[in-house]
Amino acid sequence: MASTTPIDTPPASPVARERARPKTGRAGDKIFLGLSRGSGILLLVIMASIAVFLTYRAALAVSKNEGNFLTTFDWNPAGDPPVFGIAVLLFGTIVSSIIAMAIAVPVAVGIALFISHYAPRKLAAPLAYVVDLLAAVPSIVYGIWGALFLVPYLEGLNLWLDQFFGWTYLFEKTEVGVARSLFTVGILLAIMILPIVTSVSREVFLQVPKMNEEAALALGATRWEVIRLSVLPFGRSGVISASMLGLGRALGETMAVATVLSPSFVISGHLLNPGGGTFAQNIAAKFDEADAFGRDALIASGLVLFILTLLVNGAARLIIARRKEYSGANA
């Protein structure tokens, strides 16, 4: 009986495979391509329309402003002549966001590492749930908690910082008053962005290939060395992305800051002194009482916040793209 040997047929070319596909499948691909491309174009159109609207309304206000929009400390668009500037708002927004990031990011990375690599599974699951639940708390709830609980209890911390670190100028308290300062705002923003940074960082750390960790352990590395050599380098781009998400919320937070901060148009390097202001807080506080020109002035400050957010996100993308190992291209 003659034996038959299978004949190896060459693989079909992509063109042949495409022709062999049913017409319904090709039509579905075209529909999906059109929808996805249209969604991307729609997003660009929305962003462009927002930029055009903000720029147009801001130009109307800045053209009639008698002060320097970038350096004036006062905000009086209803005056005769109108004088307003964003110097205090820009300073307060950047300073409070820096404080929030300096506090939140290290703590969030530590919590994420504990949940993903140290905590027992029975503890990690409910702890991760609690962290995710904190991200869903409305900002006004944080604001009320900050005004009624955080502000009174920070008085002792402010006095301690003034006593032992007042020589740094930043923590020197020169004015008497409750702790409604940029430092308090920074702490509250850190608490608010902590769940976001923690959740994203935790998910990134859980994606680290187990073979990398097991190989490091097989070579005699300790748990910390495994994290330092395998986990953190792999998740660096994710931590940067998570930090930018948190920074975006810190830059644009409105109600919580408006509830806690005692606004004033004075720039002070003493972080513990009450006063200061941010873009979002100023817009929320003055929008209802402003006339048409005053709203244009507020929109002009919103344009600066819009540009600042774009610059922050662009800088984050540049940081990730400068080194291939950050981008995850080699993962």
Protein backbone atom coordinates (compact mmCIF):
# COMPACT_ATOMS: atom_id res chain seq x y z
CA MET A 1 0.00 0.00 0.00
CA ALA A 2 1.51 3.27 -1.09
CA SER A 3 2.05 5.81 1.65
CA THR A 4 1.04 9.34 1.06
CA THR A 5 3.17 12.18 2.34
CA PRO A 6 1.65 15.57 3.04
CA ILE A 7 2.69 18.27 0.62
CA ASP A 8 3.69 21.53 2.25
CA THR A 9 1.81 24.34 0.59
CA PRO A 10 3.34 27.80 0.69
CA PRO A 11 1.50 30.30 2.89
CA ALA A 12 -0.93 32.51 1.12
CA SER A 13 0.10 36.08 0.45
CA PRO A 14 -1.64 38.93 2.29
CA VAL A 15 -3.38 39.94 -0.94
CA ALA A 16 -4.70 36.40 -1.44
CA ARG A 17 -5.88 36.19 2.15
CA GLU A 18 -7.64 39.54 1.78
CA ARG A 19 -9.40 38.39 -1.39
CA ALA A 20 -10.45 35.15 0.30
CA ARG A 21 -12.14 36.95 3.17
CA PRO A 22 -15.92 37.31 3.06
CA LYS A 23 -17.25 40.64 1.82
CA THR A 24 -19.06 41.17 5.08
CA GLY A 25 -15.75 41.06 6.97
CA ARG A 26 -14.16 43.61 4.67
CA ALA A 27 -17.17 45.89 5.00
CA GLY A 28 -16.96 45.64 8.79
CA ASP A 29 -13.28 46.59 8.68
CA LYS A 30 -14.07 49.64 6.57
CA ILE A 31 -16.86 50.70 8.93
CA PHE A 32 -14.63 50.26 11.99
CA LEU A 33 -11.79 52.17 10.30
CA GLY A 34 -14.14 55.01 9.42
CA LEU A 35 -15.58 55.19 12.95
CA SER A 36 -12.18 55.13 14.64
CA ARG A 37 -10.76 57.71 12.23
CA GLY A 38 -13.81 59.89 12.66
CA SER A 39 -13.51 59.69 16.45
CA GLY A 40 -9.92 60.86 16.29
CA ILE A 41 -10.79 63.72 13.96
CA LEU A 42 -13.73 64.68 16.18
CA LEU A 43 -11.45 64.88 19.20
CA LEU A 44 -9.08 67.19 17.33
CA VAL A 45 -11.99 69.36 16.20
CA ILE A 46 -13.29 69.66 19.77
CA MET A 47 -9.86 70.62 21.09
CA ALA A 48 -9.40 73.15 18.29
CA SER A 49 -12.84 74.67 18.88
CA ILE A 50 -12.12 75.05 22.60
CA ALA A 51 -8.80 76.72 21.83
CA VAL A 52 -10.38 79.09 19.29
CA PHE A 53 -13.21 80.03 21.67
CA LEU A 54 -10.86 80.70 24.59
CA THR A 55 -8.44 82.66 22.42
CA TYR A 56 -11.18 84.84 20.90
CA ARG A 57 -12.80 85.71 24.23
CA ALA A 58 -9.43 86.23 25.89
CA ALA A 59 -8.32 88.62 23.14
CA LEU A 60 -11.43 90.75 23.74
CA ALA A 61 -10.57 91.11 27.41
CA VAL A 62 -6.80 91.55 27.14
CA SER A 63 -7.17 94.26 24.47
CA LYS A 64 -9.02 96.49 26.98
CA ASN A 65 -6.87 95.64 30.00
CA GLU A 66 -4.93 98.63 31.36
CA GLY A 67 -2.59 96.43 33.38
CA ASN A 68 -0.05 93.83 32.35
CA PHE A 69 -1.92 90.55 32.04
CA LEU A 70 1.10 88.49 33.08
CA THR A 71 2.57 90.58 35.90
CA THR A 72 -0.30 92.55 37.48
CA PHE A 73 -1.24 91.39 40.98
CA ASP A 74 -4.72 92.95 41.03
CA TRP A 75 -7.95 91.51 39.62
CA ASN A 76 -10.46 94.26 38.91
CA PRO A 77 -11.97 93.90 35.43
CA ALA A 78 -15.03 95.88 36.57
CA GLY A 79 -12.96 98.95 37.39
CA ASP A 80 -12.62 102.10 35.32
CA PRO A 81 -10.21 101.46 33.71
CA PRO A 82 -10.19 97.65 34.02
CA VAL A 83 -7.00 96.24 35.53
CA PHE A 84 -6.36 92.54 36.01
CA GLY A 85 -3.49 90.06 35.86
CA ILE A 86 -2.69 86.40 36.47
CA ALA A 87 0.60 86.67 38.39
CA VAL A 88 -0.91 85.61 41.73
CA LEU A 89 -3.09 82.93 40.14
CA LEU A 90 -0.20 81.42 38.19
CA PHE A 91 2.02 81.39 41.28
CA GLY A 92 -0.63 79.82 43.48
CA THR A 93 -1.58 77.17 40.93
CA ILE A 94 1.99 76.06 40.33
CA VAL A 95 3.06 76.15 44.00
CA SER A 96 0.05 74.22 45.29
CA SER A 97 0.43 71.62 42.52
CA ILE A 98 4.14 71.17 43.27
CA ILE A 99 3.38 70.64 46.95
CA ALA A 100 0.68 68.12 46.07
CA MET A 101 2.93 66.19 43.71
CA ALA A 102 5.86 66.18 46.15
CA ILE A 103 3.64 64.63 48.82
CA ALA A 104 1.38 62.36 46.76
CA VAL A 105 3.69 60.68 44.22
CA PRO A 106 6.15 59.00 46.65
CA VAL A 107 3.32 57.88 48.92
CA ALA A 108 1.26 56.62 45.97
CA VAL A 109 4.17 54.63 44.54
CA GLY A 110 4.82 53.11 47.96
CA ILE A 111 1.17 52.10 48.36
CA ALA A 112 1.11 50.66 44.84
CA LEU A 113 4.23 48.59 45.51
CA PHE A 114 2.82 47.35 48.80
CA ILE A 115 -0.45 46.24 47.20
CA SER A 116 1.19 44.62 44.19
CA HIS A 117 4.28 42.98 45.72
CA TYR A 118 4.15 42.91 49.52
CA ALA A 119 0.61 42.63 50.86
CA PRO A 120 -1.04 39.21 51.19
CA ARG A 121 -3.77 38.59 48.65
CA LYS A 122 -6.50 38.72 51.31
CA LEU A 123 -5.32 42.21 52.30
CA ALA A 124 -4.32 43.50 48.84
CA ALA A 125 -7.78 43.07 47.28
CA PRO A 126 -9.78 45.10 49.85
CA LEU A 127 -7.02 47.69 50.11
CA ALA A 128 -7.04 48.18 46.35
CA TYR A 129 -10.83 48.49 46.48
CA VAL A 130 -10.64 51.20 49.13
CA VAL A 131 -8.07 53.14 47.12
CA ASP A 132 -10.24 52.96 44.00
CA LEU A 133 -13.24 54.06 46.05
CA LEU A 134 -11.41 57.17 47.25
CA ALA A 135 -10.94 58.25 43.63
CA ALA A 136 -14.72 58.42 43.23
CA VAL A 137 -15.33 60.78 46.15
CA PRO A 138 -16.63 64.17 44.86
CA SER A 139 -14.30 67.12 45.24
CA ILE A 140 -16.82 69.10 47.27
CA VAL A 141 -16.75 66.37 49.91
CA TYR A 142 -12.97 66.72 50.11
CA GLY A 143 -13.42 70.47 50.36
CA ILE A 144 -15.89 70.27 53.25
CA TRP A 145 -13.66 67.78 55.05
CA GLY A 146 -10.65 70.01 54.48
CA ALA A 147 -12.42 73.13 55.78
CA LEU A 148 -13.93 71.50 58.88
CA PHE A 149 -11.21 69.00 59.80
CA LEU A 150 -7.93 69.61 57.99
CA VAL A 151 -7.68 73.37 58.49
CA PRO A 152 -8.14 73.33 62.32
CA TYR A 153 -5.80 70.38 62.83
CA LEU A 154 -3.03 71.86 60.70
CA GLU A 155 -2.50 74.73 63.12
CA GLY A 156 -0.25 72.56 65.27
CA LEU A 157 1.75 71.40 62.25
CA ASN A 158 2.17 74.98 61.06
CA LEU A 159 3.50 76.07 64.45
CA TRP A 160 5.90 73.12 64.51
CA LEU A 161 7.18 73.87 61.02
CA ASP A 162 7.58 77.54 61.91
CA GLN A 163 9.52 76.66 65.07
CA PHE A 164 11.96 74.16 63.57
CA PHE A 165 12.03 75.05 59.87
CA GLY A 166 11.23 78.73 59.90
CA TRP A 167 14.85 79.44 58.96
CA THR A 168 14.10 78.09 55.47
CA TYR A 169 11.87 81.15 54.76
CA LEU A 170 9.30 78.89 53.09
CA PHE A 171 7.97 77.60 56.42
CA GLU A 172 8.27 80.88 58.31
CA LYS A 173 4.83 82.01 59.46
CA THR A 174 4.75 85.81 59.55
CA GLU A 175 0.98 86.38 59.67
CA VAL A 176 -1.54 85.31 62.27
CA GLY A 177 -4.51 83.40 60.95
CA VAL A 178 -6.03 80.00 60.37
CA ALA A 179 -4.30 77.51 58.10
CA ARG A 180 -6.07 78.57 54.89
CA SER A 181 -2.86 78.75 52.91
CA LEU A 182 -1.30 77.31 49.78
CA PHE A 183 0.42 74.72 51.96
CA THR A 184 -2.96 73.47 53.20
CA VAL A 185 -4.29 73.45 49.63
CA GLY A 186 -1.26 71.41 48.56
CA ILE A 187 -1.90 68.81 51.27
CA LEU A 188 -5.59 68.57 50.35
CA LEU A 189 -4.76 68.20 46.64
CA ALA A 190 -2.22 65.50 47.51
CA ILE A 191 -4.93 63.53 49.30
CA MET A 192 -7.25 63.97 46.32
CA ILE A 193 -4.80 62.84 43.63
CA LEU A 194 -3.34 60.02 45.73
CA PRO A 195 -5.96 57.41 44.63
CA ILE A 196 -5.47 58.21 40.93
CA VAL A 197 -1.69 57.91 41.01
CA THR A 198 -1.89 54.80 43.20
CA SER A 199 -4.41 52.97 41.01
CA VAL A 200 -2.59 53.55 37.73
CA SER A 201 0.83 52.77 39.23
CA ARG A 202 -0.51 49.57 40.81
CA GLU A 203 -1.88 48.32 37.50
CA VAL A 204 1.44 49.04 35.80
CA PHE A 205 3.44 47.22 38.48
CA LEU A 206 1.16 44.19 38.13
CA GLN A 207 2.07 43.99 34.43
CA VAL A 208 5.76 43.37 35.12
CA PRO A 209 6.74 40.01 33.51
CA LYS A 210 6.99 37.36 36.21
CA MET A 211 9.99 35.84 34.45
CA ASN A 212 12.00 39.01 35.13
CA GLU A 213 11.22 38.88 38.83
CA GLU A 214 11.84 35.15 39.11
CA ALA A 215 15.14 35.46 37.26
CA ALA A 216 16.29 38.17 39.66
CA LEU A 217 15.27 36.07 42.67
CA ALA A 218 17.09 33.05 41.22
CA LEU A 219 20.27 35.11 41.01
CA GLY A 220 20.03 35.86 44.73
CA ALA A 221 18.45 39.33 44.62
CA THR A 222 16.49 40.51 47.62
CA ARG A 223 12.88 41.65 47.35
CA TRP A 224 13.95 45.32 47.27
CA GLU A 225 16.57 44.61 44.62
CA VAL A 226 13.93 42.90 42.48
CA ILE A 227 11.71 45.97 42.76
CA ARG A 228 14.59 48.36 42.10
CA LEU A 229 16.02 46.45 39.12
CA SER A 230 12.90 44.92 37.55
CA VAL A 231 9.67 46.53 38.71
CA LEU A 232 10.51 50.23 38.85
CA PRO A 233 12.31 50.42 35.46
CA PHE A 234 9.43 48.57 33.78
CA GLY A 235 6.77 50.76 35.38
CA ARG A 236 8.55 54.10 35.10
CA SER A 237 6.55 55.30 32.12
CA GLY A 238 3.33 54.27 33.83
CA VAL A 239 4.25 56.16 37.01
CA ILE A 240 5.02 59.25 34.95
CA SER A 241 1.67 58.95 33.18
CA ALA A 242 -0.12 58.47 36.50
CA SER A 243 1.64 61.50 37.93
CA MET A 244 0.55 63.60 34.97
CA LEU A 245 -3.04 62.50 35.47
CA GLY A 246 -2.82 63.54 39.10
CA LEU A 247 -1.15 66.82 38.19
CA GLY A 248 -3.93 67.56 35.72
CA ARG A 249 -6.50 67.21 38.48
CA ALA A 250 -4.41 69.29 40.86
CA LEU A 251 -4.06 72.11 38.32
CA GLY A 252 -7.78 72.28 37.59
CA GLU A 253 -9.30 71.50 40.98
CA THR A 254 -11.97 74.06 41.83
CA MET A 255 -14.44 73.44 44.64
CA ALA A 256 -12.07 71.88 47.16
CA VAL A 257 -9.58 74.72 46.76
CA ALA A 258 -12.30 77.37 46.90
CA THR A 259 -13.61 75.85 50.14
CA VAL A 260 -10.24 75.71 51.90
CA LEU A 261 -8.25 78.67 50.60
CA SER A 262 -8.57 82.23 51.89
CA PRO A 263 -8.01 84.11 48.60
CA SER A 264 -5.92 87.25 48.30
CA PHE A 265 -3.99 88.80 45.45
CA VAL A 266 -0.62 88.78 47.18
CA ILE A 267 2.39 86.67 46.29
CA SER A 268 4.27 85.44 49.34
CA GLY A 269 7.10 82.95 49.61
CA HIS A 270 5.89 82.07 53.13
CA LEU A 271 3.78 79.02 52.37
CA LEU A 272 2.14 78.96 55.80
CA ASN A 273 0.66 82.46 55.54
CA PRO A 274 -3.04 82.55 54.61
CA GLY A 275 -3.87 83.88 51.17
CA GLY A 276 -3.07 83.28 47.55
CA GLY A 277 -5.20 82.03 44.71
CA THR A 278 -5.43 79.60 41.80
CA PHE A 279 -6.95 79.82 38.32
CA ALA A 280 -9.81 77.42 38.96
CA GLN A 281 -10.63 78.86 42.39
CA ASN A 282 -10.71 82.42 41.05
CA ILE A 283 -12.99 81.46 38.15
CA ALA A 284 -15.41 79.63 40.45
CA ALA A 285 -15.48 82.46 42.99
CA LYS A 286 -15.98 85.36 40.58
CA PHE A 287 -17.91 83.94 37.63
CA ASP A 288 -21.44 84.50 38.98
CA GLU A 289 -20.88 88.12 39.99
CA ALA A 290 -18.91 89.08 36.87
CA ASP A 291 -20.38 91.05 33.96
CA ALA A 292 -19.76 90.19 30.32
CA PHE A 293 -16.32 91.77 30.27
CA GLY A 294 -15.42 90.20 33.61
CA ARG A 295 -16.30 86.78 32.25
CA ASP A 296 -14.07 87.42 29.26
CA ALA A 297 -11.27 88.21 31.71
CA LEU A 298 -11.92 84.95 33.55
CA ILE A 299 -11.92 83.09 30.24
CA ALA A 300 -8.53 84.67 29.52
CA SER A 301 -7.20 83.18 32.76
CA GLY A 302 -8.80 79.86 31.75
CA LEU A 303 -6.85 80.01 28.48
CA VAL A 304 -3.60 80.25 30.45
CA LEU A 305 -4.63 77.21 32.50
CA PHE A 306 -5.47 75.39 29.26
CA ILE A 307 -2.03 76.17 27.82
CA LEU A 308 -0.34 75.22 31.09
CA THR A 309 -2.07 71.83 31.05
CA LEU A 310 -1.01 71.22 27.44
CA LEU A 311 2.60 72.13 28.28
CA VAL A 312 2.64 69.76 31.25
CA ASN A 313 1.30 66.86 29.21
CA GLY A 314 3.67 67.63 26.34
CA ALA A 315 6.62 67.69 28.72
CA ALA A 316 5.56 64.31 30.11
CA ARG A 317 5.43 62.82 26.61
CA LEU A 318 8.90 64.19 25.87
CA ILE A 319 10.29 62.70 29.08
CA ILE A 320 8.89 59.29 28.17
CA ALA A 321 9.98 59.47 24.52
CA ARG A 322 13.57 60.58 25.21
CA ARG A 323 14.55 57.09 26.31
CA LYS A 324 13.22 53.97 24.66
CA GLU A 325 13.14 51.98 27.86
CA TYR A 326 10.64 54.50 29.30
CA SER A 327 8.22 54.17 26.44
CA GLY A 328 7.63 50.44 26.81
CA ALA A 329 8.65 49.79 23.21
CA ASN A 330 11.05 47.06 24.26
CA ALA A 331 8.69 45.42 26.74
